[in-house]
Amino acid sequence: MRFEFFIAARYLRAKRRQAVVGVITAISVIGVAAGVASLIIALAITNGMRRDLQERLVGSTSHVDLMRVAGDGIRDWRPLLARLRGVPHVVAAAPGLYGQVLISKGARSGGGLVKGVIPADEKTVGDLLQSVVQGSAAALEPVAVAAAPCGSGTSARNDCGGGVSREIPPIVIGQDMAESLGAKVGDGVLVTSPQGELTPLGLVPKYERFQLAGIFKSGFYQYDSSYAFLRLVDAQRLFSEPDLISVISFKVDDLYHADRVGRAIEDAAGKGFQTTNWMEQNRELFRALKLEQVVTFIVLALIVCVAALNILIALTMMVMEKTRDIAVLMSFGVRADQVRRIFLMQGLLISVIGTVLGLILGYGLSWLGGHYRFIRLDAAVYSIDYLPFAPRVVDAVIVAAVSLGVSLIATIYPSGSAAKVLPAEALRYE
């Protein structure tokens, strides 16, 4: 095999009688390198998008949510919460009350989803309250003052520390929402609930003024533009639902087994409850990313196929140029299968050089893009504000295998033609 490799390497770097053969060979190397680099970068981007979206989704929200099938809320939730915290693989649990509202400041307004929370519990299942960049989420902590009870019943008073200040209650909203409202920390905002009060004049929306205590930034547009947090008792008062929650959120020890743990939580909760998990809630998003990755791979692999076509042309022209040399080698006893391997190795060398250069270029550009984040995105469109890169070793193996395999197929015809050269015919007119 060393003999065939020696001849193939000599042919590859030898001076050409026809310059076009050398040009096509160089184009073949560049084409393979460009195709491999493009594939590596494209796969790094799709992997980065999937990784960042998954990390932000899982970090910002709970792994499993428990709700009532009838959608009538969860009453007497404290003993249920205490019992479900003991379900195997459950790490943390937190109650919450969701509601759609209109948040306004002056002439500006926008729809939002508020969640009434107990901050100490909420921070154990999600990171949004820990990503406050202006102000503080500490204002959402229960405050004990000598005032009217914050809800109905002793348990409700315990949740807010025995009572709640009659001062303006606090609210924490996302950065994009704050920018759209033109609101800053300390400003007052009006929160209007469609679940109003029935009066002789009809259903009147209920509204309450809140003070902006903090602004969070998760980097995920869906949350930063529409999410807001209230104290649980304030949300219950706003929605006229004393001592009721709509969801119990859970964090589990293995997020990829969230569906299995969710079924165990359903069984422990009893009839009338159902769970959803982060995989079900975002299935379409990750399915779209997977399809995009497959399509991108197929499209960019065509670049490698074009480069392989150049290899076929270059080797065919080289066989025509080296017909006399092949005849001389065969007259000295070189077998046809050895001649075939010479040109197979020559095509393989072109592919290896192009693949190595492409891997170096692709991983280099991916590292630069991931480290410096110089490609910005519109968060309103792509959900994240920069283009992420996440190159993987397994991608290099797959891309290299595809590149070498396609190039090897391209060498079959010219190497077979070289092996069929008849020495007597080739040397007759020399």
Protein backbone atom coordinates (compact mmCIF):
# COMPACT_ATOMS: atom_id res chain seq x y z
CA MET A 1 0.00 0.00 0.00
CA ARG A 2 2.93 2.34 0.61
CA PHE A 3 3.88 2.09 -3.08
CA GLU A 4 0.42 3.21 -4.23
CA PHE A 5 0.37 6.03 -1.66
CA PHE A 6 3.85 7.21 -2.76
CA ILE A 7 2.84 7.37 -6.44
CA ALA A 8 -0.51 9.06 -5.62
CA ALA A 9 1.24 11.73 -3.53
CA ARG A 10 3.82 12.34 -6.28
CA TYR A 11 1.10 12.72 -8.90
CA LEU A 12 -0.78 15.16 -6.66
CA ARG A 13 2.14 17.58 -6.20
CA ALA A 14 3.87 17.10 -9.57
CA LYS A 15 3.89 19.88 -12.17
CA ARG A 16 1.21 19.48 -14.81
CA ARG A 17 1.67 19.54 -18.54
CA GLN A 18 -1.90 20.84 -18.64
CA ALA A 19 -2.39 23.63 -16.09
CA VAL A 20 -6.16 23.14 -16.11
CA VAL A 21 -5.75 19.80 -14.28
CA GLY A 22 -3.96 21.53 -11.42
CA VAL A 23 -6.59 24.27 -11.32
CA ILE A 24 -9.44 21.76 -11.15
CA THR A 25 -7.59 19.86 -8.41
CA ALA A 26 -7.22 23.07 -6.37
CA ILE A 27 -10.89 23.89 -6.93
CA SER A 28 -11.77 20.38 -5.73
CA VAL A 29 -9.84 20.89 -2.48
CA ILE A 30 -11.42 24.32 -1.95
CA GLY A 31 -14.87 22.94 -2.73
CA VAL A 32 -14.55 20.11 -0.22
CA ALA A 33 -13.22 22.54 2.40
CA ALA A 34 -16.06 24.99 1.78
CA GLY A 35 -18.69 22.25 1.95
CA VAL A 36 -17.31 20.77 5.17
CA ALA A 37 -16.94 24.20 6.81
CA SER A 38 -20.48 25.15 5.81
CA LEU A 39 -21.87 21.93 7.25
CA ILE A 40 -19.96 22.35 10.53
CA ILE A 41 -21.12 25.96 10.93
CA ALA A 42 -24.73 25.16 10.02
CA LEU A 43 -24.87 22.23 12.44
CA ALA A 44 -23.20 24.35 15.15
CA ILE A 45 -25.88 27.03 14.70
CA THR A 46 -28.82 24.60 14.83
CA ASN A 47 -27.30 22.83 17.84
CA GLY A 48 -26.71 26.20 19.51
CA MET A 49 -30.28 27.32 18.85
CA ARG A 50 -31.63 24.10 20.29
CA ARG A 51 -29.31 24.23 23.32
CA ASP A 52 -29.98 27.88 24.16
CA LEU A 53 -33.72 27.63 23.68
CA GLN A 54 -33.85 24.49 25.80
CA GLU A 55 -31.70 25.99 28.57
CA ARG A 56 -33.74 29.18 28.68
CA LEU A 57 -37.06 27.41 28.51
CA VAL A 58 -36.15 24.88 31.20
CA GLY A 59 -34.41 27.49 33.34
CA SER A 60 -37.24 30.01 33.09
CA THR A 61 -40.13 27.65 33.64
CA SER A 62 -40.90 24.56 35.64
CA HIS A 63 -40.34 21.01 34.41
CA VAL A 64 -43.88 19.81 35.23
CA ASP A 65 -47.15 21.69 35.87
CA LEU A 66 -50.17 20.23 37.66
CA MET A 67 -53.62 21.70 36.93
CA ARG A 68 -57.26 20.82 37.30
CA VAL A 69 -58.81 19.13 34.25
CA ALA A 70 -61.94 21.26 34.68
CA GLY A 71 -59.87 24.45 34.86
CA ASP A 72 -61.66 25.56 38.05
CA GLY A 73 -58.49 26.08 40.09
CA ILE A 74 -57.03 24.19 43.01
CA ARG A 75 -58.62 24.79 46.41
CA ASP A 76 -57.32 23.50 49.73
CA TRP A 77 -53.95 23.34 47.97
CA ARG A 78 -51.59 23.39 50.97
CA PRO A 79 -51.98 19.74 52.06
CA LEU A 80 -51.89 18.68 48.40
CA LEU A 81 -48.66 20.63 47.85
CA ALA A 82 -47.08 19.10 50.96
CA ARG A 83 -48.03 15.59 49.82
CA LEU A 84 -46.78 16.00 46.24
CA ARG A 85 -43.39 17.28 47.40
CA GLY A 86 -42.78 13.74 48.60
CA VAL A 87 -43.27 12.15 45.16
CA PRO A 88 -40.04 10.39 44.04
CA HIS A 89 -37.74 12.49 41.81
CA VAL A 90 -39.52 15.75 42.72
CA VAL A 91 -36.91 18.28 43.80
CA ALA A 92 -39.11 21.33 44.44
CA ALA A 93 -42.71 22.51 44.08
CA ALA A 94 -44.36 25.92 44.08
CA PRO A 95 -47.96 27.19 43.89
CA GLY A 96 -49.02 29.82 41.36
CA LEU A 97 -52.05 31.69 40.10
CA TYR A 98 -52.05 32.67 36.41
CA GLY A 99 -54.24 35.27 34.79
CA GLN A 100 -54.44 37.33 31.60
CA VAL A 101 -54.42 41.07 32.24
CA LEU A 102 -53.94 44.43 30.57
CA ILE A 103 -50.99 46.40 31.94
CA SER A 104 -50.93 50.14 31.23
CA LYS A 105 -48.91 53.23 32.03
CA GLY A 106 -50.40 56.44 30.83
CA ALA A 107 -51.46 56.09 27.21
CA ARG A 108 -49.37 52.95 26.67
CA SER A 109 -50.72 49.49 27.37
CA GLY A 110 -50.14 45.87 26.51
CA GLY A 111 -51.49 42.43 27.29
CA GLY A 112 -49.61 40.28 29.75
CA LEU A 113 -49.71 37.06 31.73
CA VAL A 114 -49.32 37.64 35.45
CA LYS A 115 -48.44 34.96 37.92
CA GLY A 116 -49.11 35.24 41.61
CA VAL A 117 -46.25 33.57 43.47
CA ILE A 118 -44.65 32.92 46.81
CA PRO A 119 -41.09 34.03 45.87
CA ALA A 120 -39.24 31.60 48.14
CA ASP A 121 -41.01 28.68 46.46
CA GLU A 122 -41.03 30.13 42.93
CA LYS A 123 -37.23 30.55 42.90
CA THR A 124 -36.82 26.80 43.45
CA VAL A 125 -38.65 25.87 40.21
CA GLY A 126 -37.70 28.73 37.84
CA ASP A 127 -35.03 31.36 37.32
CA LEU A 128 -37.05 34.36 36.15
CA LEU A 129 -37.16 36.00 39.58
CA GLN A 130 -33.39 35.51 39.83
CA SER A 131 -32.74 37.33 36.55
CA VAL A 132 -33.88 40.77 37.77
CA VAL A 133 -31.58 43.39 36.22
CA GLN A 134 -33.24 46.54 37.60
CA GLY A 135 -34.76 46.94 41.03
CA SER A 136 -35.33 43.84 43.12
CA ALA A 137 -37.75 40.96 43.47
CA ALA A 138 -37.45 41.21 47.25
CA ALA A 139 -40.54 43.44 47.30
CA LEU A 140 -42.63 40.36 46.44
CA GLU A 141 -41.75 38.76 49.75
CA PRO A 142 -44.65 38.63 52.25
CA VAL A 143 -44.82 41.70 54.48
CA ALA A 144 -46.38 41.54 57.93
CA VAL A 145 -48.17 44.67 59.05
CA ALA A 146 -51.07 45.40 61.31
CA ALA A 147 -53.72 45.83 58.68
CA ALA A 148 -56.72 44.17 57.21
CA PRO A 149 -56.29 40.51 56.35
CA CYS A 150 -55.02 39.84 52.85
CA GLY A 151 -57.37 37.01 52.12
CA SER A 152 -60.10 34.89 53.63
CA GLY A 153 -59.19 32.53 56.38
CA THR A 154 -56.22 32.02 58.66
CA SER A 155 -54.20 30.21 55.99
CA ALA A 156 -54.46 33.16 53.65
CA ARG A 157 -53.22 35.50 56.38
CA ASN A 158 -50.27 33.20 57.01
CA ASP A 159 -49.24 33.42 53.36
CA CYS A 160 -48.78 37.16 53.54
CA GLY A 161 -47.39 37.21 57.04
CA GLY A 162 -50.64 38.01 58.85
CA GLY A 163 -51.68 40.88 56.61
CA VAL A 164 -50.61 43.01 53.71
CA SER A 165 -49.73 46.65 53.48
CA ARG A 166 -52.48 48.83 52.07
CA GLU A 167 -49.78 50.71 50.19
CA ILE A 168 -49.41 50.17 46.45
CA PRO A 169 -48.53 46.47 45.99
CA PRO A 170 -45.38 45.54 43.98
CA ILE A 171 -45.08 44.01 40.53
CA VAL A 172 -42.09 42.63 38.59
CA ILE A 173 -42.24 42.64 34.77
CA GLY A 174 -40.00 41.69 31.83
CA GLN A 175 -37.60 44.15 30.22
CA ASP A 176 -39.31 44.20 26.82
CA MET A 177 -42.65 44.89 28.43
CA ALA A 178 -41.12 47.70 30.50
CA GLU A 179 -39.64 49.26 27.36
CA SER A 180 -42.94 49.05 25.47
CA LEU A 181 -44.74 50.74 28.38
CA GLY A 182 -41.96 53.27 28.97
CA ALA A 183 -41.91 52.23 32.62
CA LYS A 184 -39.02 52.42 35.07
CA VAL A 185 -38.51 50.97 38.54
CA GLY A 186 -40.63 52.96 40.98
CA ASP A 187 -43.29 53.92 38.44
CA GLY A 188 -46.92 53.06 38.93
CA VAL A 189 -48.74 50.80 36.45
CA LEU A 190 -52.40 49.95 36.17
CA VAL A 191 -53.30 46.25 35.96
CA THR A 192 -56.79 45.48 34.63
CA SER A 193 -58.33 42.03 34.96
CA PRO A 194 -61.08 40.92 32.56
CA GLN A 195 -62.54 38.89 35.42
CA GLY A 196 -64.42 41.90 36.73
CA GLU A 197 -67.21 42.48 39.20
CA LEU A 198 -70.89 42.14 38.39
CA THR A 199 -72.74 45.42 38.97
CA PRO A 200 -76.22 46.73 38.07
CA LEU A 201 -74.54 48.19 34.98
CA GLY A 202 -73.13 44.86 33.94
CA LEU A 203 -69.70 43.24 34.26
CA VAL A 204 -67.13 45.89 35.12
CA PRO A 205 -63.42 44.98 34.69
CA LYS A 206 -61.49 45.05 37.92
CA TYR A 207 -58.32 47.10 38.05
CA GLU A 208 -55.66 47.90 40.61
CA ARG A 209 -52.57 50.08 40.68
CA PHE A 210 -49.19 48.44 41.27
CA GLN A 211 -45.72 49.85 41.77
CA LEU A 212 -42.96 48.54 39.50
CA ALA A 213 -40.47 46.96 41.90
CA GLY A 214 -38.20 45.11 39.47
CA ILE A 215 -37.49 44.33 35.83
CA PHE A 216 -36.17 40.92 34.79
CA LYS A 217 -34.37 39.90 31.61
CA SER A 218 -34.31 36.24 30.67
CA GLY A 219 -33.14 36.81 27.08
CA PHE A 220 -36.23 34.91 25.91
CA TYR A 221 -38.63 37.29 24.20
CA GLN A 222 -41.78 35.36 25.06
CA TYR A 223 -41.17 35.90 28.76
CA ASP A 224 -39.54 39.34 28.68
CA SER A 225 -42.42 40.83 26.68
CA SER A 226 -45.46 39.36 28.42
CA TYR A 227 -44.68 37.90 31.86
CA ALA A 228 -45.23 39.66 35.18
CA PHE A 229 -45.09 38.53 38.81
CA LEU A 230 -47.28 39.53 41.75
CA ARG A 231 -47.49 38.32 45.30
CA LEU A 232 -49.89 35.40 45.48
CA VAL A 233 -52.30 37.24 47.80
CA ASP A 234 -52.30 40.30 45.51
CA ALA A 235 -53.12 38.12 42.49
CA GLN A 236 -55.91 36.39 44.42
CA ARG A 237 -57.39 39.76 45.34
CA LEU A 238 -57.07 41.05 41.75
CA PHE A 239 -58.84 38.00 40.31
CA SER A 240 -61.33 37.82 43.22
CA GLU A 241 -60.22 34.27 44.00
CA PRO A 242 -59.36 34.13 47.71
CA ASP A 243 -57.11 31.25 48.69
CA LEU A 244 -57.13 29.59 45.24
CA ILE A 245 -54.29 28.70 42.88
CA SER A 246 -54.37 27.58 39.25
CA VAL A 247 -51.19 25.50 39.05
CA ILE A 248 -48.56 23.71 41.09
CA SER A 249 -45.16 23.81 39.38
CA PHE A 250 -42.50 21.16 39.93
CA LYS A 251 -38.80 20.79 39.35
CA VAL A 252 -37.56 17.21 38.89
CA ASP A 253 -34.10 15.68 39.19
CA ASP A 254 -33.95 14.58 35.52
CA LEU A 255 -35.67 16.93 33.09
CA TYR A 256 -35.62 14.29 30.31
CA HIS A 257 -37.84 12.06 32.48
CA ALA A 258 -40.33 14.85 33.20
CA ASP A 259 -43.13 12.96 31.44
CA ARG A 260 -42.66 9.89 33.63
CA VAL A 261 -42.50 11.94 36.84
CA GLY A 262 -45.57 13.87 35.65
CA ARG A 263 -47.58 10.65 35.47
CA ALA A 264 -46.51 9.78 39.02
CA ILE A 265 -47.62 13.25 40.18
CA GLU A 266 -51.00 12.76 38.50
CA ASP A 267 -51.46 9.42 40.29
CA ALA A 268 -50.52 10.97 43.64
CA ALA A 269 -52.83 13.98 43.11
CA GLY A 270 -55.84 11.82 42.33
CA LYS A 271 -58.77 12.11 39.97
CA GLY A 272 -59.49 15.43 38.29
CA PHE A 273 -55.87 16.51 37.83
CA GLN A 274 -53.61 16.52 34.79
CA THR A 275 -49.97 17.44 34.19
CA THR A 276 -48.04 18.97 31.33
CA ASN A 277 -44.28 19.09 31.02
CA TRP A 278 -41.73 21.28 29.25
CA MET A 279 -41.31 18.78 26.40
CA GLU A 280 -45.04 18.74 25.60
CA GLN A 281 -45.33 22.52 25.82
CA ASN A 282 -42.46 23.05 23.36
CA ARG A 283 -42.72 19.94 21.18
CA GLU A 284 -43.48 21.85 17.98
CA LEU A 285 -40.57 24.22 18.50
CA PHE A 286 -37.99 21.46 18.92
CA ARG A 287 -39.53 19.43 16.10
CA ALA A 288 -39.15 22.43 13.80
CA LEU A 289 -35.51 22.87 14.85
CA LYS A 290 -34.81 19.19 14.17
CA LEU A 291 -36.41 19.39 10.72
CA GLU A 292 -34.43 22.54 9.98
CA GLN A 293 -31.21 20.75 10.95
CA VAL A 294 -31.94 17.82 8.62
CA VAL A 295 -32.89 20.07 5.69
CA THR A 296 -29.84 22.27 6.21
CA PHE A 297 -27.57 19.22 6.25
CA ILE A 298 -29.04 17.89 3.01
CA VAL A 299 -28.83 21.24 1.21
CA LEU A 300 -25.28 22.01 2.27
CA ALA A 301 -24.16 18.44 1.57
CA LEU A 302 -24.77 19.28 -2.09
CA ILE A 303 -21.70 21.52 -1.89
CA VAL A 304 -19.65 18.44 -1.05
CA CYS A 305 -21.27 16.61 -3.97
CA VAL A 306 -20.26 19.41 -6.33
CA ALA A 307 -16.72 19.21 -4.98
CA ALA A 308 -16.79 15.44 -5.51
CA LEU A 309 -17.81 16.06 -9.13
CA ASN A 310 -14.73 18.26 -9.48
CA ILE A 311 -12.63 15.40 -8.08
CA LEU A 312 -14.10 13.06 -10.69
CA ILE A 313 -13.25 15.54 -13.48
CA ALA A 314 -9.74 16.17 -12.15
CA LEU A 315 -8.94 12.47 -11.85
CA THR A 316 -10.41 11.70 -15.28
CA MET A 317 -8.21 14.37 -16.87
CA MET A 318 -5.22 13.13 -14.87
CA VAL A 319 -5.74 9.59 -16.12
CA MET A 320 -5.79 10.92 -19.67
CA GLU A 321 -2.61 12.91 -18.97
CA LYS A 322 -0.83 10.01 -17.29
CA THR A 323 -1.81 7.27 -19.74
CA ARG A 324 1.80 6.78 -20.86
CA ASP A 325 3.05 6.69 -17.24
CA ILE A 326 0.41 4.10 -16.38
CA ALA A 327 1.45 1.97 -19.36
CA VAL A 328 5.13 2.16 -18.31
CA LEU A 329 4.24 1.16 -14.73
CA MET A 330 2.16 -1.78 -15.95
CA SER A 331 4.97 -2.88 -18.30
CA PHE A 332 7.26 -3.05 -15.23
CA GLY A 333 4.83 -5.41 -13.51
CA VAL A 334 2.47 -3.10 -11.65
CA ARG A 335 -0.90 -4.86 -11.44
CA ALA A 336 -4.20 -3.34 -12.53
CA ASP A 337 -5.57 -3.34 -8.98
CA GLN A 338 -2.49 -1.37 -7.84
CA VAL A 339 -3.08 1.23 -10.55
CA ARG A 340 -6.70 1.46 -9.42
CA ARG A 341 -5.59 2.04 -5.82
CA ILE A 342 -3.16 4.77 -6.94
CA PHE A 343 -5.99 6.92 -8.27
CA LEU A 344 -8.36 5.95 -5.48
CA MET A 345 -5.77 7.22 -3.01
CA GLN A 346 -5.20 10.34 -5.04
CA GLY A 347 -8.90 11.23 -4.85
CA LEU A 348 -8.91 10.30 -1.18
CA LEU A 349 -5.93 12.59 -0.54
CA ILE A 350 -7.75 15.51 -2.18
CA SER A 351 -10.78 14.78 0.00
CA VAL A 352 -8.74 14.41 3.20
CA ILE A 353 -6.91 17.69 2.63
CA GLY A 354 -10.17 19.52 1.88
CA THR A 355 -11.96 17.90 4.83
CA VAL A 356 -9.21 18.79 7.32
CA LEU A 357 -9.08 22.38 6.08
CA GLY A 358 -12.89 22.57 6.24
CA LEU A 359 -13.00 21.22 9.80
CA ILE A 360 -10.38 23.72 10.95
CA LEU A 361 -12.19 26.59 9.23
CA GLY A 362 -15.65 25.51 10.40
CA TYR A 363 -14.69 24.98 14.04
CA GLY A 364 -12.59 28.17 14.06
CA LEU A 365 -15.46 30.33 12.80
CA SER A 366 -17.92 28.56 15.11
CA TRP A 367 -15.69 29.25 18.12
CA LEU A 368 -15.33 32.91 17.17
CA GLY A 369 -19.10 33.27 16.66
CA GLY A 370 -19.92 31.57 19.97
CA HIS A 371 -17.25 33.43 21.95
CA TYR A 372 -17.78 36.98 20.68
CA ARG A 373 -21.49 36.73 19.73
CA PHE A 374 -20.98 39.20 16.89
CA ILE A 375 -24.13 38.13 14.99
CA ARG A 376 -27.15 39.80 16.61
CA LEU A 377 -30.74 38.68 16.10
CA ASP A 378 -34.15 40.26 16.54
CA ALA A 379 -35.43 38.70 19.74
CA ALA A 380 -39.02 39.39 18.70
CA VAL A 381 -38.57 37.04 15.74
CA TYR A 382 -36.04 34.44 16.93
CA SER A 383 -36.77 34.46 20.70
CA ILE A 384 -33.06 34.99 21.44
CA ASP A 385 -30.97 38.11 20.84
CA TYR A 386 -27.80 36.58 19.33
CA LEU A 387 -26.85 33.72 17.04
CA PRO A 388 -25.52 30.84 19.18
CA PHE A 389 -22.89 28.32 18.05
CA ALA A 390 -22.47 24.89 19.64
CA PRO A 391 -20.06 22.71 17.59
CA ARG A 392 -19.96 19.05 18.58
CA VAL A 393 -17.35 16.37 18.00
CA VAL A 394 -19.98 13.95 16.70
CA ASP A 395 -20.81 16.45 13.94
CA ALA A 396 -17.18 16.41 12.80
CA VAL A 397 -17.26 12.61 12.59
CA ILE A 398 -20.51 12.60 10.58
CA VAL A 399 -19.44 15.39 8.22
CA ALA A 400 -16.00 13.89 7.66
CA ALA A 401 -17.53 10.47 6.95
CA VAL A 402 -19.97 11.97 4.43
CA SER A 403 -17.23 14.00 2.74
CA LEU A 404 -14.80 11.10 2.44
CA GLY A 405 -17.54 8.69 1.38
CA VAL A 406 -18.87 10.93 -1.41
CA SER A 407 -15.35 11.69 -2.62
CA LEU A 408 -14.44 8.01 -2.63
CA ILE A 409 -17.47 7.24 -4.77
CA ALA A 410 -16.35 9.93 -7.21
CA THR A 411 -12.99 8.19 -7.70
CA ILE A 412 -14.47 4.83 -8.75
CA TYR A 413 -14.91 5.65 -12.45
CA PRO A 414 -11.51 7.33 -13.17
CA SER A 415 -9.57 4.74 -11.15
CA GLY A 416 -11.37 1.95 -13.02
CA SER A 417 -10.49 3.61 -16.34
CA ALA A 418 -6.84 3.80 -15.29
CA ALA A 419 -6.82 0.10 -14.45
CA LYS A 420 -8.12 -0.76 -17.95
CA VAL A 421 -5.26 0.96 -19.78
CA LEU A 422 -3.52 -1.47 -22.17
CA PRO A 423 0.27 -0.89 -22.15
CA ALA A 424 0.76 -1.96 -25.77
CA GLU A 425 -1.96 0.34 -27.06
CA ALA A 426 -0.81 3.28 -24.91
CA LEU A 427 2.86 2.97 -25.97
CA ARG A 428 2.28 2.11 -29.67
CA TYR A 429 2.86 5.65 -30.92
CA GLU A 430 5.42 6.75 -28.28
